[in-house]
Amino acid sequence: MRKKTATNPTPPERSRIMRAVKDRNTAPELRVRRLCHKLGYRFRLHRKDLPGKPDLVFPARKKIIFVNGCFWHGHRCKRGARLPGTNLDYWRRKISRNSQRDCEISRALRKLGWDVLTVWECETRSDERLTISLRNFLTKSARRALYKPSLMLTDAAQGVGATGGRLYATGLREPHQ
């Protein structure tokens, strides 16, 4: 049996910790919802009839917002680049699968005529910046919007969990083909 330390929980403790991780109503998601509501936008939550059960859906605008955790979806920030010290192969595969699934879901939604924005957990720390990004996304046509490209998809060059894509002149990232 493994020795328990503060940084290395036993398998039953690790299992309990992982079961406690929420997939909706997270603090970053609640922050995005609060700001959208404050800006006057109304939305639906976690629509099961759409691919990926998006976090926020704006049906009249045909716009969708996903709020992704940096670690779980392989963002290029400091937190997203950090990997656990144990079972490294498992985590690399898991995060890579999550990122690939995100890319496929975004592509499927765009084919259905939806504009998709991914807001990363690390980008929810500044209400001012986030408000600007949300307002730009929700008020402008997707092909003319000039909001932060990092809010869309990550670059393939960044290793674990990267989804790939090309940066177009509009400032939007399109998933790789």
Protein backbone atom coordinates (compact mmCIF):
# COMPACT_ATOMS: atom_id res chain seq x y z
CA MET A 1 0.00 0.00 0.00
CA ARG A 2 1.18 3.51 -0.85
CA LYS A 3 2.22 5.92 1.86
CA LYS A 4 -0.13 8.88 2.22
CA THR A 5 1.32 12.38 1.96
CA ALA A 6 -0.29 15.81 1.55
CA THR A 7 0.61 15.90 -2.15
CA ASN A 8 0.12 12.20 -2.86
CA PRO A 9 -3.31 11.01 -1.64
CA THR A 10 -4.15 7.34 -1.47
CA PRO A 11 -6.24 5.91 -4.36
CA PRO A 12 -9.55 6.07 -2.43
CA GLU A 13 -8.86 9.68 -1.44
CA ARG A 14 -7.91 10.60 -5.01
CA SER A 15 -11.13 8.99 -6.23
CA ARG A 16 -13.17 11.02 -3.74
CA ILE A 17 -11.43 14.22 -4.80
CA MET A 18 -12.03 13.55 -8.49
CA ARG A 19 -15.71 12.72 -7.93
CA ALA A 20 -16.14 16.13 -6.29
CA VAL A 21 -15.06 18.01 -9.44
CA LYS A 22 -18.12 19.70 -10.95
CA ASP A 23 -18.90 19.85 -14.65
CA ARG A 24 -21.44 22.68 -14.43
CA ASN A 25 -22.16 25.65 -12.22
CA THR A 26 -18.45 26.13 -11.60
CA ALA A 27 -17.16 29.47 -10.27
CA PRO A 28 -15.85 30.58 -13.73
CA GLU A 29 -19.14 29.60 -15.38
CA LEU A 30 -21.16 31.48 -12.75
CA ARG A 31 -18.97 34.55 -13.28
CA VAL A 32 -19.59 34.48 -17.05
CA ARG A 33 -23.33 34.00 -16.49
CA ARG A 34 -23.44 36.89 -14.03
CA LEU A 35 -21.64 39.23 -16.46
CA CYS A 36 -23.85 38.24 -19.42
CA HIS A 37 -26.95 38.84 -17.33
CA LYS A 38 -25.56 42.19 -16.11
CA LEU A 39 -24.99 43.18 -19.76
CA GLY A 40 -28.69 42.50 -20.39
CA TYR A 41 -28.39 39.21 -22.25
CA ARG A 42 -30.67 36.29 -21.48
CA PHE A 43 -29.64 32.74 -22.19
CA ARG A 44 -30.40 29.06 -21.74
CA LEU A 45 -28.16 26.68 -19.81
CA HIS A 46 -26.74 23.30 -20.84
CA ARG A 47 -29.10 22.55 -23.73
CA LYS A 48 -29.09 18.80 -24.17
CA ASP A 49 -30.33 19.01 -27.77
CA LEU A 50 -27.06 20.64 -28.91
CA PRO A 51 -23.68 18.94 -29.30
CA GLY A 52 -21.59 19.22 -26.13
CA LYS A 53 -24.40 20.61 -23.95
CA PRO A 54 -23.06 24.20 -24.14
CA ASP A 55 -22.76 26.18 -20.91
CA LEU A 56 -24.63 29.24 -22.21
CA VAL A 57 -26.88 29.32 -25.27
CA PHE A 58 -28.28 32.51 -26.81
CA PRO A 59 -30.90 31.06 -29.20
CA ALA A 60 -32.10 34.31 -30.79
CA ARG A 61 -28.50 35.30 -31.56
CA LYS A 62 -27.37 31.79 -32.58
CA LYS A 63 -24.40 32.13 -30.21
CA ILE A 64 -22.92 29.69 -27.73
CA ILE A 65 -20.40 30.11 -24.93
CA PHE A 66 -18.38 27.31 -23.40
CA VAL A 67 -16.54 28.01 -20.14
CA ASN A 68 -13.59 25.62 -19.98
CA GLY A 69 -11.29 24.81 -17.11
CA CYS A 70 -7.69 25.40 -18.12
CA PHE A 71 -6.38 22.12 -16.69
CA TRP A 72 -9.16 19.87 -17.97
CA HIS A 73 -9.14 21.23 -21.52
CA GLY A 74 -5.40 21.82 -22.01
CA HIS A 75 -5.21 25.61 -22.22
CA ARG A 76 -1.81 27.23 -22.90
CA CYS A 77 -1.75 29.16 -19.64
CA LYS A 78 0.30 28.34 -16.54
CA ARG A 79 -2.46 26.30 -14.95
CA GLY A 80 -3.33 24.45 -18.15
CA ALA A 81 0.28 23.46 -18.78
CA ARG A 82 0.61 21.87 -15.35
CA LEU A 83 0.25 18.09 -15.24
CA PRO A 84 -0.12 15.83 -12.21
CA GLY A 85 2.99 14.10 -10.95
CA THR A 86 1.47 10.62 -11.09
CA ASN A 87 -0.09 8.65 -13.94
CA LEU A 88 1.24 11.12 -16.50
CA ASP A 89 0.38 9.04 -19.59
CA TYR A 90 -3.24 8.77 -18.48
CA TRP A 91 -3.56 12.54 -17.98
CA ARG A 92 -1.89 13.41 -21.27
CA ARG A 93 -4.30 11.13 -23.14
CA LYS A 94 -7.32 12.39 -21.19
CA ILE A 95 -6.58 16.08 -21.71
CA SER A 96 -5.77 15.48 -25.36
CA ARG A 97 -9.10 13.64 -25.83
CA ASN A 98 -10.93 16.49 -24.10
CA SER A 99 -9.34 19.05 -26.42
CA GLN A 100 -10.06 16.98 -29.50
CA ARG A 101 -13.68 16.55 -28.42
CA ASP A 102 -13.94 20.33 -27.86
CA CYS A 103 -12.72 20.91 -31.41
CA GLU A 104 -15.21 18.41 -32.86
CA ILE A 105 -18.10 19.89 -30.88
CA SER A 106 -17.24 23.45 -31.99
CA ARG A 107 -17.03 22.28 -35.60
CA ALA A 108 -20.40 20.51 -35.35
CA LEU A 109 -22.05 23.58 -33.82
CA ARG A 110 -20.62 25.86 -36.51
CA LYS A 111 -21.98 23.51 -39.18
CA LEU A 112 -25.39 23.92 -37.53
CA GLY A 113 -25.05 27.71 -37.89
CA TRP A 114 -23.97 28.62 -34.35
CA ASP A 115 -21.17 31.03 -33.44
CA VAL A 116 -19.02 29.55 -30.66
CA LEU A 117 -16.90 31.27 -28.04
CA THR A 118 -14.69 29.43 -25.57
CA VAL A 119 -13.90 31.34 -22.40
CA TRP A 120 -11.01 29.90 -20.40
CA GLU A 121 -11.01 29.75 -16.62
CA CYS A 122 -7.93 32.00 -16.42
CA GLU A 123 -9.72 34.66 -18.49
CA THR A 124 -12.54 34.97 -15.96
CA ARG A 125 -10.28 36.62 -13.40
CA SER A 126 -10.65 40.10 -14.91
CA ASP A 127 -14.27 41.27 -15.09
CA GLU A 128 -13.29 44.24 -17.24
CA ARG A 129 -11.56 42.21 -19.97
CA LEU A 130 -14.16 39.47 -19.86
CA THR A 131 -16.99 42.00 -20.18
CA ILE A 132 -15.40 43.49 -23.30
CA SER A 133 -14.91 40.04 -24.86
CA LEU A 134 -18.46 38.94 -24.06
CA ARG A 135 -19.99 42.17 -25.35
CA ASN A 136 -17.98 41.96 -28.59
CA PHE A 137 -18.95 38.35 -29.15
CA LEU A 138 -22.63 38.83 -28.39
CA THR A 139 -23.19 42.08 -30.28
CA LYS A 140 -21.23 41.56 -33.48
CA SER A 141 -21.45 39.22 -36.39
CA ALA A 142 -19.04 36.32 -35.85
CA ARG A 143 -17.04 36.93 -39.02
CA ARG A 144 -16.54 40.63 -38.22
CA ALA A 145 -15.97 40.35 -34.48
CA LEU A 146 -12.53 41.31 -33.25
CA TYR A 147 -12.22 39.65 -29.88
CA LYS A 148 -9.30 37.86 -28.29
CA PRO A 149 -8.28 34.85 -30.37
CA SER A 150 -7.19 33.05 -27.20
CA LEU A 151 -10.84 32.83 -26.22
CA MET A 152 -11.45 30.48 -29.13
CA LEU A 153 -9.20 27.43 -29.53
CA THR A 154 -5.60 26.67 -28.57
CA ASP A 155 -2.59 26.31 -30.91
CA ALA A 156 -1.32 22.91 -32.01
CA ALA A 157 2.23 23.93 -31.23
CA GLN A 158 1.57 23.93 -27.50
CA GLY A 159 1.73 20.20 -26.78
CA VAL A 160 -0.70 18.41 -24.46
CA GLY A 161 -4.34 19.07 -25.14
CA ALA A 162 -3.86 21.44 -28.06
CA THR A 163 -6.61 21.31 -30.65
CA GLY A 164 -4.83 23.00 -33.52
CA GLY A 165 -6.13 25.53 -35.95
CA ARG A 166 -5.25 28.46 -38.18
CA LEU A 167 -5.56 32.09 -37.18
CA TYR A 168 -7.54 33.96 -39.80
CA ALA A 169 -7.31 37.68 -40.48
CA THR A 170 -10.57 38.28 -38.62
CA GLY A 171 -9.00 37.21 -35.34
CA LEU A 172 -10.99 34.01 -35.15
CA ARG A 173 -9.52 30.53 -34.96
CA GLU A 174 -11.00 27.82 -37.08
CA PRO A 175 -10.49 24.15 -36.10
CA HIS A 176 -8.01 22.21 -38.21
CA GLN A 177 -9.42 20.04 -40.96
